[in-house]
Structures are given as structure tokens and as C-alpha cells.
Amino acid sequence: SFDTVTASSKGLVNTARTRRPQPKGNTRNARIPSASKSSEVMKNVTVEDHRRTLLLSNN
């Protein structure tokens, strides 16, 4: 069981290392943070809207 675990872990590390130097992978990684930030901002906006509606309904 230990041999299979070490082999799988080494395979994952090798694939991760080979993907990092590629320019395509770098561009995708650079685009991901902006997309995640926009999604987080949208979630925050929706939450704020819900809070405002709840406050108005309570008043």
C-alpha cells in the first residue's frame, strides 16, 4: 500500500510541476483570481441586498 501511495503522490507532483512552467497554464491561473473575485463580489452584493430587504420588512 505504501508503494502505491508514494507512486501516486510523485505522479501528482510531477504533473503539477510540468503544468506550472507552461505559458497557457500561467494565463489561466492569472484569469482565475479575477473571476473568483468577481463571483465573491456578486455574492456579497446579493447578501447585502437580502439584509436590506430584511431590515426594511422588520421596520
C-alpha atoms as a PDB file:
ATOM      1  CA  SER A   1       0.000   0.000   0.000  1.00  0.00           C
ATOM      2  CA  PHE A   2       2.889   2.372   0.772  1.00  0.00           C
ATOM      3  CA  ASP A   3       4.392   1.847  -2.693  1.00  0.00           C
ATOM      4  CA  THR A   4       1.141   2.815  -4.436  1.00  0.00           C
ATOM      5  CA  VAL A   5       0.737   5.917  -2.257  1.00  0.00           C
ATOM      6  CA  THR A   6       4.268   7.144  -2.967  1.00  0.00           C
ATOM      7  CA  ALA A   7       3.830   6.459  -6.690  1.00  0.00           C
ATOM      8  CA  SER A   8       0.537   8.386  -6.839  1.00  0.00           C
ATOM      9  CA  SER A   9       1.921  11.302  -4.818  1.00  0.00           C
ATOM     10  CA  LYS A  10       5.005  11.509  -7.056  1.00  0.00           C
ATOM     11  CA  GLY A  11       2.789  11.449 -10.150  1.00  0.00           C
ATOM     12  CA  LEU A  12       0.675  14.319  -8.853  1.00  0.00           C
ATOM     13  CA  VAL A  13       3.769  16.381  -8.001  1.00  0.00           C
ATOM     14  CA  ASN A  14       5.299  15.739 -11.429  1.00  0.00           C
ATOM     15  CA  THR A  15       2.115  16.780 -13.260  1.00  0.00           C
ATOM     16  CA  ALA A  16       1.819  19.943 -11.140  1.00  0.00           C
ATOM     17  CA  ARG A  17       5.437  20.889 -11.837  1.00  0.00           C
ATOM     18  CA  THR A  18       5.085  20.291 -15.583  1.00  0.00           C
ATOM     19  CA  ARG A  19       1.895  22.392 -15.754  1.00  0.00           C
ATOM     20  CA  ARG A  20       3.343  25.439 -13.963  1.00  0.00           C
ATOM     21  CA  PRO A  21       6.057  26.469 -16.491  1.00  0.00           C
ATOM     22  CA  GLN A  22       3.631  26.369 -19.448  1.00  0.00           C
ATOM     23  CA  PRO A  23       2.512  29.869 -20.567  1.00  0.00           C
ATOM     24  CA  LYS A  24      -1.056  28.660 -21.176  1.00  0.00           C
ATOM     25  CA  GLY A  25      -1.308  27.420 -17.595  1.00  0.00           C
ATOM     26  CA  ASN A  26       0.034  30.758 -16.316  1.00  0.00           C
ATOM     27  CA  THR A  27      -2.538  32.761 -18.284  1.00  0.00           C
ATOM     28  CA  ARG A  28      -5.352  30.547 -16.984  1.00  0.00           C
ATOM     29  CA  ASN A  29      -4.105  30.882 -13.413  1.00  0.00           C
ATOM     30  CA  ALA A  30      -3.917  34.665 -13.853  1.00  0.00           C
ATOM     31  CA  ARG A  31      -7.531  34.763 -15.071  1.00  0.00           C
ATOM     32  CA  ILE A  32      -8.864  32.597 -12.238  1.00  0.00           C
ATOM     33  CA  PRO A  33      -8.318  35.169  -9.413  1.00  0.00           C
ATOM     34  CA  SER A  34     -10.233  37.890 -11.271  1.00  0.00           C
ATOM     35  CA  ALA A  35     -13.157  35.524 -11.908  1.00  0.00           C
ATOM     36  CA  SER A  36     -13.207  34.357  -8.288  1.00  0.00           C
ATOM     37  CA  LYS A  37     -13.087  37.970  -7.056  1.00  0.00           C
ATOM     38  CA  SER A  38     -15.999  38.979  -9.290  1.00  0.00           C
ATOM     39  CA  SER A  39     -18.051  35.996  -8.079  1.00  0.00           C
ATOM     40  CA  GLU A  40     -17.253  36.845  -4.450  1.00  0.00           C
ATOM     41  CA  VAL A  41     -18.266  40.469  -5.016  1.00  0.00           C
ATOM     42  CA  MET A  42     -21.554  39.363  -6.571  1.00  0.00           C
ATOM     43  CA  LYS A  43     -22.225  37.096  -3.566  1.00  0.00           C
ATOM     44  CA  ASN A  44     -21.516  39.964  -1.165  1.00  0.00           C
ATOM     45  CA  VAL A  45     -23.864  42.258  -3.087  1.00  0.00           C
ATOM     46  CA  THR A  46     -26.693  39.717  -3.006  1.00  0.00           C
ATOM     47  CA  VAL A  47     -26.170  39.188   0.729  1.00  0.00           C
ATOM     48  CA  GLU A  48     -26.276  42.946   1.342  1.00  0.00           C
ATOM     49  CA  ASP A  49     -29.485  43.238  -0.681  1.00  0.00           C
ATOM     50  CA  HIS A  50     -31.100  40.472   1.370  1.00  0.00           C
ATOM     51  CA  ARG A  51     -30.050  42.177   4.602  1.00  0.00           C
ATOM     52  CA  ARG A  52     -31.518  45.485   3.436  1.00  0.00           C
ATOM     53  CA  THR A  53     -34.822  43.868   2.480  1.00  0.00           C
ATOM     54  CA  LEU A  54     -34.992  42.102   5.859  1.00  0.00           C
ATOM     55  CA  LEU A  55     -34.304  45.371   7.712  1.00  0.00           C
ATOM     56  CA  LEU A  56     -36.976  47.189   5.691  1.00  0.00           C
ATOM     57  CA  SER A  57     -39.515  44.422   6.294  1.00  0.00           C
ATOM     58  CA  ASN A  58     -38.797  44.445  10.045  1.00  0.00           C
ATOM     59  CA  ASN A  59     -39.231  48.214  10.212  1.00  0.00           C
END
